C-alpha cells in the first residue's frame, strides 16, 4: 500500500485527519484498507468501533 502525501502543519508535523471524514473517502485514499462497513460512516465512528486511538493506529492493525 502506498501512502498518499499528506499536508503538514507549520511545525512540520502531519495534520490530523478530520473526524467527520467519510469511510468512502478513506477507502479511496488508503486503498480500501479500512474495515468493512457503510461508506457513509465517519472516521470518529470507525475509530470507536475498532477501538483505535487514531487513523494511523487503525491502519497498522491490518
N, C-alpha and C. Protein backbone atom coordinates (compact mmCIF):
# COMPACT_ATOMS: atom_id res chain seq x y z
N UNK A 1 0.86 -1.18 0.00
CA UNK A 1 0.00 0.00 0.00
C UNK A 1 0.90 1.24 0.00
N UNK A 2 0.73 2.10 -0.96
CA UNK A 2 1.49 3.33 -0.99
C UNK A 2 0.77 4.40 -0.17
N UNK A 3 1.52 5.12 0.60
CA UNK A 3 0.93 6.15 1.45
C UNK A 3 0.80 7.44 0.64
N UNK A 4 -0.37 8.06 0.68
CA UNK A 4 -0.54 9.32 -0.04
C UNK A 4 0.22 10.44 0.68
N UNK A 5 0.59 11.44 -0.06
CA UNK A 5 1.25 12.57 0.59
C UNK A 5 0.22 13.34 1.39
N UNK A 6 0.58 13.71 2.61
CA UNK A 6 -0.33 14.44 3.48
C UNK A 6 0.30 15.79 3.77
N UNK A 7 -0.55 16.77 3.97
CA UNK A 7 -0.04 18.10 4.26
C UNK A 7 0.43 18.17 5.71
N UNK A 8 1.30 19.11 5.97
CA UNK A 8 1.89 19.27 7.29
C UNK A 8 1.53 20.62 7.89
N UNK A 9 1.61 20.68 9.21
CA UNK A 9 1.42 21.95 9.92
C UNK A 9 2.67 22.78 9.79
N UNK A 10 2.64 24.00 10.32
CA UNK A 10 3.80 24.88 10.26
C UNK A 10 5.00 24.29 11.01
N UNK A 11 4.73 23.48 12.05
CA UNK A 11 5.83 22.89 12.81
C UNK A 11 6.38 21.62 12.18
N UNK A 12 5.85 21.22 11.03
CA UNK A 12 6.37 20.07 10.30
C UNK A 12 5.65 18.77 10.57
N UNK A 13 4.75 18.74 11.53
CA UNK A 13 4.01 17.52 11.82
C UNK A 13 2.83 17.38 10.88
N UNK A 14 2.42 16.11 10.66
CA UNK A 14 1.24 15.87 9.84
C UNK A 14 -0.01 16.41 10.52
N UNK A 15 -0.92 16.96 9.72
CA UNK A 15 -2.20 17.39 10.28
C UNK A 15 -3.04 16.17 10.60
N UNK A 16 -3.88 16.27 11.63
CA UNK A 16 -4.79 15.18 11.98
C UNK A 16 -5.90 15.11 10.94
N UNK A 17 -6.35 13.89 10.66
CA UNK A 17 -7.46 13.70 9.75
C UNK A 17 -8.74 14.09 10.47
N UNK A 18 -9.61 14.83 9.80
CA UNK A 18 -10.86 15.27 10.43
C UNK A 18 -11.72 14.07 10.80
N UNK A 19 -12.36 14.14 11.96
CA UNK A 19 -13.15 13.02 12.45
C UNK A 19 -14.46 12.83 11.68
N UNK A 20 -14.84 13.83 10.87
CA UNK A 20 -16.07 13.69 10.10
C UNK A 20 -15.81 13.24 8.65
N UNK A 21 -14.62 12.74 8.39
CA UNK A 21 -14.28 12.21 7.07
C UNK A 21 -15.03 10.90 6.86
N UNK A 22 -15.66 10.74 5.70
CA UNK A 22 -16.44 9.53 5.41
C UNK A 22 -15.54 8.34 5.09
N UNK A 23 -16.04 7.15 5.39
CA UNK A 23 -15.30 5.92 5.15
C UNK A 23 -14.97 5.77 3.67
N UNK A 24 -15.88 6.14 2.79
CA UNK A 24 -15.63 6.01 1.36
C UNK A 24 -14.39 6.81 0.95
N UNK A 25 -14.24 8.01 1.48
CA UNK A 25 -13.08 8.84 1.19
C UNK A 25 -11.80 8.19 1.71
N UNK A 26 -11.86 7.63 2.92
CA UNK A 26 -10.70 6.96 3.50
C UNK A 26 -10.31 5.74 2.67
N UNK A 27 -11.29 4.97 2.21
CA UNK A 27 -11.01 3.79 1.39
C UNK A 27 -10.34 4.17 0.08
N UNK A 28 -10.78 5.27 -0.52
CA UNK A 28 -10.17 5.72 -1.77
C UNK A 28 -8.73 6.19 -1.52
N UNK A 29 -8.53 6.88 -0.41
CA UNK A 29 -7.21 7.42 -0.10
C UNK A 29 -6.22 6.34 0.32
N UNK A 30 -6.69 5.37 1.10
CA UNK A 30 -5.81 4.34 1.66
C UNK A 30 -6.04 2.97 1.04
N UNK A 31 -6.41 2.90 -0.20
CA UNK A 31 -6.53 1.66 -0.97
C UNK A 31 -7.44 0.62 -0.32
N UNK A 32 -8.54 1.05 0.25
CA UNK A 32 -9.54 0.13 0.79
C UNK A 32 -9.11 -0.64 2.02
N UNK A 33 -8.13 -0.15 2.77
CA UNK A 33 -7.65 -0.88 3.94
C UNK A 33 -8.39 -0.54 5.23
N UNK A 34 -9.56 0.06 5.10
CA UNK A 34 -10.40 0.38 6.25
C UNK A 34 -11.37 -0.79 6.45
N UNK A 35 -11.62 -1.21 7.70
CA UNK A 35 -12.55 -2.33 7.93
C UNK A 35 -13.91 -2.10 7.27
N UNK A 36 -14.52 -3.20 6.84
CA UNK A 36 -15.81 -3.12 6.15
C UNK A 36 -16.87 -2.39 6.95
N UNK A 37 -17.75 -1.76 6.25
CA UNK A 37 -18.85 -1.04 6.88
C UNK A 37 -19.53 -0.16 5.86
N UNK A 38 -20.42 0.64 6.33
CA UNK A 38 -21.14 1.56 5.45
C UNK A 38 -20.21 2.66 4.97
N UNK A 39 -20.37 3.07 3.73
CA UNK A 39 -19.47 4.07 3.17
C UNK A 39 -19.72 5.47 3.72
N UNK A 40 -20.87 5.67 4.40
CA UNK A 40 -21.15 7.00 4.93
C UNK A 40 -20.77 7.13 6.41
N UNK A 41 -20.12 6.09 6.99
CA UNK A 41 -19.66 6.20 8.39
C UNK A 41 -18.53 7.22 8.47
N UNK A 42 -18.46 7.89 9.61
CA UNK A 42 -17.40 8.87 9.85
C UNK A 42 -16.21 8.21 10.52
N UNK A 43 -15.06 8.82 10.35
CA UNK A 43 -13.82 8.31 10.94
C UNK A 43 -13.97 8.14 12.45
N UNK A 44 -14.61 9.08 13.11
CA UNK A 44 -14.78 9.00 14.56
C UNK A 44 -15.51 7.72 14.95
N UNK A 45 -16.56 7.37 14.22
CA UNK A 45 -17.33 6.16 14.49
C UNK A 45 -16.49 4.91 14.25
N UNK A 46 -15.72 4.91 13.17
CA UNK A 46 -14.88 3.76 12.85
C UNK A 46 -13.84 3.55 13.94
N UNK A 47 -13.20 4.63 14.39
CA UNK A 47 -12.18 4.52 15.43
C UNK A 47 -12.77 3.99 16.74
N UNK A 48 -13.97 4.45 17.08
CA UNK A 48 -14.62 3.96 18.29
C UNK A 48 -14.94 2.47 18.18
N UNK A 49 -15.49 2.06 17.05
CA UNK A 49 -15.88 0.66 16.85
C UNK A 49 -14.66 -0.26 16.85
N UNK A 50 -13.58 0.17 16.25
CA UNK A 50 -12.37 -0.64 16.13
C UNK A 50 -11.43 -0.46 17.33
N UNK A 51 -11.81 0.40 18.27
CA UNK A 51 -11.01 0.67 19.47
C UNK A 51 -9.58 1.10 19.11
N UNK A 52 -9.50 2.05 18.18
CA UNK A 52 -8.21 2.58 17.74
C UNK A 52 -8.15 4.07 18.10
N UNK A 53 -7.03 4.53 18.65
CA UNK A 53 -6.93 5.93 19.04
C UNK A 53 -6.76 6.91 17.88
N UNK A 54 -6.27 6.42 16.73
CA UNK A 54 -6.03 7.30 15.59
C UNK A 54 -6.11 6.52 14.29
N UNK A 55 -6.17 7.25 13.19
CA UNK A 55 -6.21 6.62 11.87
C UNK A 55 -4.93 5.82 11.62
N UNK A 56 -3.80 6.35 12.00
CA UNK A 56 -2.55 5.64 11.77
C UNK A 56 -2.51 4.32 12.54
N UNK A 57 -3.03 4.30 13.76
CA UNK A 57 -3.09 3.06 14.53
C UNK A 57 -4.06 2.07 13.91
N UNK A 58 -5.16 2.57 13.37
CA UNK A 58 -6.13 1.72 12.69
C UNK A 58 -5.51 1.06 11.47
N UNK A 59 -4.74 1.81 10.71
CA UNK A 59 -4.10 1.27 9.51
C UNK A 59 -3.02 0.25 9.86
N UNK A 60 -2.37 0.40 11.02
CA UNK A 60 -1.34 -0.54 11.45
C UNK A 60 -1.92 -1.86 11.91
N UNK A 61 -3.21 -1.88 12.31
CA UNK A 61 -3.85 -3.11 12.80
C UNK A 61 -3.89 -4.19 11.73
N UNK A 62 -3.96 -3.81 10.47
CA UNK A 62 -4.09 -4.80 9.38
C UNK A 62 -2.87 -5.61 9.18
